[in-house]
Protein backbone atom coordinates (compact mmCIF):
# COMPACT_ATOMS: atom_id res chain seq x y z
CA MET A 1 -37.42 2.38 -29.62
CA LYS A 2 -34.41 3.27 -27.32
CA PRO A 3 -30.62 2.70 -28.52
CA ASP A 4 -29.25 -0.45 -27.31
CA SER A 5 -27.15 0.03 -24.69
CA PRO A 6 -23.20 -0.77 -25.81
CA PRO A 7 -20.66 -2.54 -24.06
CA ASP A 8 -18.48 -0.18 -22.66
CA CYS A 9 -15.17 -0.98 -21.45
CA GLN A 10 -15.01 2.08 -19.06
CA GLY A 11 -17.98 0.65 -16.85
CA PHE A 12 -21.38 -1.46 -17.37
CA SER A 13 -24.71 -1.77 -18.96
CA PHE A 14 -27.83 -2.15 -16.58
CA ALA A 15 -29.93 -2.10 -20.01
CA PRO A 16 -31.57 -4.66 -21.71
CA ARG A 17 -29.17 -5.96 -24.48
CA ARG A 18 -31.03 -6.08 -28.48
CA VAL A 19 -29.68 -8.94 -30.17
CA GLY A 20 -30.27 -8.65 -33.72
CA LEU A 21 -32.15 -11.59 -35.73
CA GLY A 22 -32.10 -11.24 -39.28
CA GLU A 23 -34.75 -8.51 -40.18
CA GLY A 24 -35.91 -8.95 -36.40
CA GLU A 25 -35.08 -8.64 -32.93
CA ARG A 26 -35.42 -10.36 -29.54
CA SER A 27 -35.17 -8.31 -25.80
CA VAL A 28 -32.68 -10.62 -23.52
CA ARG A 29 -34.63 -9.59 -20.14
CA LYS A 30 -31.22 -10.64 -18.44
CA THR A 31 -29.04 -7.57 -16.83
CA GLU A 32 -26.05 -7.79 -18.67
CA VAL A 33 -22.76 -6.53 -16.93
CA THR A 34 -19.96 -5.72 -18.63
CA GLU A 35 -16.79 -6.27 -15.98
CA CYS A 36 -13.43 -4.13 -16.10
CA LYS A 37 -10.04 -4.18 -14.06
CA MET A 38 -11.65 -2.69 -11.01
CA ASN A 39 -13.23 0.17 -13.25
CA SER A 40 -16.84 0.01 -12.47
CA TRP A 41 -18.64 3.26 -13.94
CA LEU A 42 -20.12 3.24 -9.76
CA VAL A 43 -16.12 4.31 -8.57
CA ALA A 44 -15.73 6.01 -11.75
CA PHE A 45 -18.62 8.52 -10.13
CA LEU A 46 -17.18 8.80 -7.01
CA LEU A 47 -13.88 9.49 -7.83
CA LEU A 48 -15.25 12.25 -10.17
CA GLY A 49 -17.72 13.69 -7.86
CA THR A 50 -20.79 15.20 -8.74
CA SER A 51 -22.05 18.27 -10.87
CA PRO A 52 -19.25 21.11 -10.73
CA SER A 53 -20.29 23.59 -7.58
CA ALA A 54 -18.81 27.03 -6.91
CA ALA A 55 -16.79 25.19 -3.70
CA GLN A 56 -15.32 22.74 -6.05
CA ALA A 57 -14.11 25.05 -8.47
CA GLN A 58 -12.51 27.17 -5.77
CA LEU A 59 -11.01 24.25 -3.99
CA GLN A 60 -9.00 21.54 -5.46
CA LEU A 61 -7.89 18.10 -3.91
CA LEU A 62 -4.43 17.66 -5.08
CA PRO A 63 -4.09 14.22 -7.22
CA VAL A 64 -1.52 11.63 -5.69
CA PRO A 65 0.59 9.19 -8.01
CA GLU A 66 -0.80 6.25 -6.11
CA PRO A 67 -3.95 5.02 -3.76
CA LYS A 68 -2.73 5.60 0.01
CA GLN A 69 -2.35 2.87 1.74
CA VAL A 70 -3.47 1.63 5.77
CA PHE A 71 -4.27 -1.34 7.91
CA GLY A 72 -7.36 -2.13 8.40
CA GLY A 73 -9.03 -0.63 11.88
CA ASP A 74 -9.83 3.06 14.09
CA ALA A 75 -7.59 5.68 13.89
CA ARG A 76 -5.95 5.22 10.67
CA THR A 77 -3.84 8.73 9.38
CA ILE A 78 -3.74 9.61 5.64
CA THR A 79 -2.08 12.90 4.05
CA ILE A 80 -4.49 15.20 1.48
CA THR A 81 -2.84 18.34 -0.14
CA TRP A 82 -5.48 20.94 -0.87
CA HIS A 83 -5.36 23.78 -3.22
CA ASN A 84 -7.51 26.94 -3.25
CA ALA A 85 -7.37 27.83 -7.14
CA GLY A 86 -9.96 30.91 -6.20
CA GLN A 87 -9.40 34.44 -5.85
CA ARG A 88 -11.38 34.27 -2.58
CA THR A 89 -10.27 32.76 0.70
CA PHE A 90 -11.97 29.21 1.04
CA GLY A 91 -13.73 28.27 4.67
CA GLN A 92 -16.24 25.68 5.27
CA GLU A 93 -16.76 22.78 7.33
CA LEU A 94 -15.77 19.69 5.32
CA SER A 95 -16.80 16.11 6.12
CA ALA A 96 -15.42 12.50 4.60
CA ARG A 97 -17.86 10.11 3.08
CA LEU A 98 -16.97 6.76 2.85
CA TYR A 99 -17.47 3.85 0.47
CA GLN A 100 -15.88 0.28 0.24
CA ALA A 101 -15.72 -0.52 -3.55
CA SER A 102 -15.16 -3.60 -6.12
CA SER A 103 -15.00 -4.18 -9.03
CA ALA A 104 -19.21 -4.58 -9.64
CA THR A 105 -20.34 -2.70 -6.38
CA THR A 106 -19.82 0.57 -3.89
CA VAL A 107 -21.05 0.25 -0.43
CA PRO A 108 -21.56 3.15 1.55
CA LEU A 109 -20.09 3.36 5.14
CA GLY A 110 -21.46 6.26 6.59
CA THR A 111 -19.91 10.32 6.99
CA THR A 112 -17.76 11.54 9.54
CA PRO A 113 -17.37 15.10 10.14
CA TRP A 114 -13.69 16.22 9.95
CA ARG A 115 -12.81 19.74 10.35
CA TYR A 116 -13.22 23.46 9.27
CA LEU A 117 -10.67 24.09 6.28
CA GLU A 118 -9.72 27.71 5.17
CA ILE A 119 -7.05 28.44 2.85
CA LEU A 120 -6.57 31.96 1.40
CA PRO A 121 -6.24 32.33 -2.67
CA GLY A 122 -3.94 30.32 -3.98
CA GLN A 123 -2.57 28.78 -1.20
CA THR A 124 -1.59 25.03 -0.80
CA VAL A 125 -1.89 23.35 2.20
CA ILE A 126 -0.85 19.49 3.29
CA GLU A 127 -2.99 18.22 5.85
CA SER A 128 -3.65 14.78 7.80
CA ALA A 129 -7.23 12.96 8.50
CA THR A 130 -7.43 10.24 11.29
CA LEU A 131 -10.42 8.10 10.02
CA ASN A 132 -11.58 4.83 11.18
CA PHE A 133 -11.64 1.86 8.27
CA PRO A 134 -13.14 -2.05 8.48
CA VAL A 135 -11.44 -4.54 9.65
CA VAL A 136 -10.57 -6.41 6.17
CA HIS A 137 -9.40 -9.70 5.24
CA ALA A 138 -7.63 -8.70 2.33
CA GLU A 139 -6.54 -5.77 0.29
CA THR A 140 -9.79 -3.85 -0.32
CA ARG A 141 -10.68 -0.96 -2.30
CA PHE A 142 -12.28 2.25 -0.32
CA VAL A 143 -13.33 5.51 -1.97
CA ILE A 144 -13.42 8.47 0.26
CA GLN A 145 -15.53 11.70 -0.37
CA TRP A 146 -14.74 15.32 0.67
CA LEU A 147 -17.85 17.40 1.24
CA ALA A 148 -18.26 21.20 1.73
CA GLY A 149 -21.68 21.92 3.65
CA ALA A 150 -24.22 19.10 3.06
CA ASN A 151 -23.79 17.47 -0.31
CA GLN A 152 -20.90 19.17 -2.30
CA VAL A 153 -18.31 16.92 -3.26
CA VAL A 154 -15.03 19.01 -3.55
CA GLY A 155 -12.60 15.91 -3.98
CA THR A 156 -12.58 12.12 -3.69
CA SER A 157 -9.41 10.33 -2.35
CA GLU A 158 -8.71 5.98 -2.93
CA VAL A 159 -7.35 4.02 -0.32
CA ARG A 160 -6.36 1.04 -0.21
CA VAL A 161 -6.91 -1.28 3.04
CA TYR A 162 -4.78 -4.20 4.44
CA PRO A 163 -5.26 -6.85 6.88
CA THR A 164 -3.16 -6.48 10.07
CA ASN A 165 -1.26 -10.38 9.85
CA LEU A 166 0.56 -9.23 6.48
CA LEU A 167 3.52 -10.72 8.52
CA THR A 168 2.02 -13.88 8.94
CA GLU A 169 3.31 -15.26 5.97
CA LEU A 170 7.11 -15.08 7.51
CA LYS A 171 6.17 -17.71 9.95
CA ALA A 172 5.48 -20.19 6.61
CA LEU A 173 8.53 -18.88 5.25
CA ALA A 174 10.47 -20.20 8.09
CA GLY A 175 9.10 -23.71 8.34
CA GLU A 176 9.38 -25.51 11.44
CA GLU A 177 12.51 -23.31 13.13
CA PRO A 178 11.85 -20.06 14.15
CA LEU A 179 12.46 -16.77 12.17
CA GLY A 180 15.91 -15.58 12.99
CA VAL A 181 15.74 -11.65 13.90
CA LEU A 182 18.74 -9.55 15.11
CA ASP A 183 16.62 -6.77 15.52
CA PRO A 184 18.56 -3.37 17.93
CA GLN A 185 15.21 -0.58 17.23
CA ASN A 186 12.62 -3.40 18.77
CA GLN A 187 11.05 -2.61 16.14
CA LEU A 188 10.05 -6.38 14.34
CA LYS A 189 9.89 -8.37 17.24
CA PRO A 190 6.77 -6.17 18.73
CA LEU A 191 5.06 -6.82 15.55
CA LEU A 192 6.16 -10.63 14.72
CA LYS A 193 4.53 -11.46 18.43
CA ALA A 194 1.29 -9.56 17.28
CA ALA A 195 1.08 -11.98 14.15
CA ALA A 196 1.88 -15.21 16.13
CA VAL A 197 5.35 -15.79 14.30
CA GLU A 198 7.36 -17.67 16.50
CA PHE A 199 11.31 -16.05 16.26
CA SER A 200 14.59 -16.77 17.78
CA ASP A 201 16.46 -13.61 19.29
CA LEU A 202 19.99 -13.34 18.02
CA GLU A 203 20.54 -9.62 19.96
CA ASP A 204 22.29 -11.66 22.82
CA ALA A 205 23.38 -15.08 20.99
CA ARG A 206 26.15 -15.55 17.83
CA VAL A 207 24.59 -14.95 14.73
CA GLU A 208 26.15 -17.41 13.18
CA ASP A 209 24.76 -20.11 15.22
CA TYR A 210 21.53 -19.92 14.12
CA ARG A 211 19.74 -22.99 13.20
CA GLY A 212 16.77 -22.59 11.05
CA LYS A 213 16.30 -21.38 7.91
CA LEU A 214 15.34 -17.80 7.50
CA ALA A 215 16.88 -14.73 9.28
CA ILE A 216 16.61 -11.08 9.38
CA ALA A 217 18.67 -8.59 10.17
CA GLY A 218 17.35 -5.35 11.07
CA PRO A 219 15.99 -2.99 10.68
CA PHE A 220 18.89 -0.34 12.08
CA GLU A 221 18.83 3.16 13.08
CA ASN A 222 22.30 3.72 11.91
CA LYS A 223 25.57 2.03 11.39
CA THR A 224 26.48 1.87 14.97
CA GLN A 225 23.92 -0.49 15.66
CA MET A 226 25.36 -3.50 13.53
CA ARG A 227 27.60 -5.56 15.43
CA ASN A 228 31.43 -5.92 14.45
CA GLY A 229 32.19 -8.64 12.09
CA LEU A 230 28.22 -8.53 10.89
CA VAL A 231 29.25 -8.93 7.44
CA THR A 232 31.13 -12.31 8.12
CA GLN A 233 28.37 -13.82 10.12
CA LEU A 234 25.73 -13.33 7.35
CA GLN A 235 27.91 -14.58 5.23
CA ALA A 236 28.45 -17.85 7.31
CA LEU A 237 24.36 -18.15 7.80
CA ALA A 238 24.22 -17.65 3.88
CA ARG A 239 26.84 -20.65 3.42
CA ARG A 240 24.91 -23.08 5.25
CA GLY A 241 21.95 -22.49 3.15
CA VAL A 242 19.94 -20.21 5.49
CA GLY A 243 18.09 -17.27 3.37
CA VAL A 244 19.19 -13.57 4.75
CA VAL A 245 17.47 -10.46 4.62
CA TRP A 246 19.71 -7.50 5.55
CA LEU A 247 18.36 -4.31 6.16
CA LEU A 248 20.47 -1.56 5.68
CA PRO A 249 20.53 1.87 8.14
CA PRO A 250 19.35 4.56 6.68
CA GLN A 251 22.15 6.50 4.48
CA GLU A 252 23.65 9.83 6.82
CA GLN A 253 24.02 12.88 4.86
CA LYS A 254 27.84 12.94 4.68
CA ASP A 255 27.65 9.24 3.27
CA ARG A 256 25.35 10.96 0.42
CA ARG A 257 28.21 13.06 -1.05
CA GLY A 258 29.97 11.24 -4.39
CA GLU A 259 28.39 8.28 -3.65
CA ARG A 260 27.61 5.89 -6.54
CA LEU A 261 23.84 5.34 -7.56
CA ARG A 262 22.62 1.75 -5.23
CA PRO A 263 19.88 -0.27 -5.97
CA SER A 264 16.82 -0.49 -3.65
CA PHE A 265 17.96 -4.11 -2.89
CA TYR A 266 19.69 -7.14 -4.40
CA THR A 267 21.01 -10.43 -3.83
CA VAL A 268 24.59 -11.73 -2.83
CA PRO A 269 24.58 -16.09 -3.51
CA GLU A 270 26.75 -17.28 -1.08
CA GLY A 271 27.49 -21.17 -0.44
CA LYS A 272 24.23 -23.02 -0.52
CA GLY A 273 22.11 -19.53 0.67
CA ALA A 274 22.18 -15.71 -0.43
CA VAL A 275 22.17 -12.64 1.33
CA VAL A 276 19.75 -10.44 0.28
CA VAL A 277 20.49 -6.33 1.01
CA ALA A 278 17.73 -3.81 1.28
CA GLN A 279 17.73 -0.35 1.50
CA ALA A 280 16.05 1.01 4.44
CA SER A 281 13.57 2.82 2.39
CA LEU A 282 12.14 -0.39 1.51
CA THR A 283 10.66 -0.95 5.05
CA ALA A 284 10.61 2.24 6.69
CA SER A 285 7.91 2.93 9.00
CA LEU A 286 7.42 -1.33 9.37
CA SER A 287 4.58 -0.88 12.08
CA GLU A 288 2.37 1.40 10.16
CA SER A 289 3.24 1.02 6.23
CA PRO A 290 1.54 -1.85 4.58
CA SER A 291 3.97 -1.38 1.60
CA ALA A 292 6.83 -2.28 4.19
CA GLN A 293 5.43 -5.27 5.48
CA LEU A 294 4.74 -6.47 1.67
CA ASN A 295 8.26 -5.69 0.97
CA LEU A 296 9.74 -7.10 3.83
CA THR A 297 7.81 -10.33 3.43
CA GLN A 298 8.81 -10.40 -0.55
CA LEU A 299 12.39 -9.80 0.02
CA ALA A 300 12.55 -13.01 2.71
CA ARG A 301 11.14 -14.92 -0.03
CA LEU A 302 13.95 -13.91 -2.47
CA ALA A 303 15.93 -14.81 0.02
CA LEU A 304 15.15 -18.29 -0.04
CA HIS A 305 14.65 -18.08 -3.67
CA PRO A 306 16.59 -16.20 -5.19
CA GLU A 307 15.71 -15.27 -8.57
CA ALA A 308 17.82 -14.43 -11.79
CA LEU A 309 17.47 -11.02 -13.00
CA ARG A 310 16.02 -10.82 -16.63
CA LEU A 311 14.62 -8.29 -18.80
CA SER A 312 11.01 -7.06 -18.80
CA ASP A 313 8.93 -6.28 -21.53
CA PRO A 314 6.85 -2.90 -20.08
CA THR A 315 4.80 -2.80 -23.04
CA PRO A 316 0.93 -3.94 -23.12
C-alpha cells in the first residue's frame, strides 16, 4: 500500500489520510487540506518554477526584499532586475504569465508578451514591465511567471495588488466635518476628490481657523513651500484637540551634512491633541504607491489616537 500523506506545514495534502485504529486502518475519503500562512505548495511551485532549463541556468531574476505593490487596473509598472550568469549572451523573447494566488488556490489569468531581452555575459540590467492587473476590493496576492519561448520559466515575481480607494478611510477618520488639507503641490487633493473624501482647502485660509477633527499639512516639495508661522499654526490646531499630520519636505543635500539621526515619524503632544511629524519618504509617490497611502492613513490614526511608545518582542 502507498504510504500515508503526511501533514506538511509547507503545503497541502490532497491524498486520503489513513487513521490508525489499533491493528486495523480505515481510509478517510474526505480530501484533507492543511492550510499554512499564505504558503500553499501551489504558490511555492509557481515561485520556484518548473524543472531547470538552459535559459534558467543562464538568466536569473534577482530577488527583492519585499513583494512589489501596485494598484489594481491597467498599465501598472513594476521594476525587475535580471542577471546573466552564463558565458554567452542571452537573447530571447519573454512573456509574463499572471496568476492570482490565495492560501488555497491559484487562478491563471493569462499570458502577455513582454519584450525581447538581450543581456551580455555577467551583465545585470534593471528593467520595467507594464502589466494589467484586475481591479480588487482588498489586498490580493499575484504571482508572475516570466517565460522564455513557449514555456520555459526563467523567473517569478510576487506582487501585492491593492484597491484604488485606500484613502476613503480618511473620510471616516475626519468624522462629520471635512478633512483639513494644506497641499501646495496639489498631490493629495486630486486623490481625495477621486476617493469622494470631502475636505477643506487651507491653502487660502488661516490654518488655525480650521474647525474640523483632522488636518494634513503637506506634502511639500521644499522648505520654501511652508508658509511663515506654520509650526505655530499647527500647534494651535493641536491644542484645540485637532489631530494633525505634518508631512515634512525632503531633506536637501546640504541639510544632511552633520545632521543628527531622525526617526521616520514621531508624535508631539500639544494640549488636547497631537502633531504627527513624518519624513517625506513615508508618503513618496502618493498617487502611485499603495504603501504611501497606507502610511498616510496610519499617520492620521496616530494623530487622532496617539499611542505610547513601548518595547516590542521581535522573537516568535
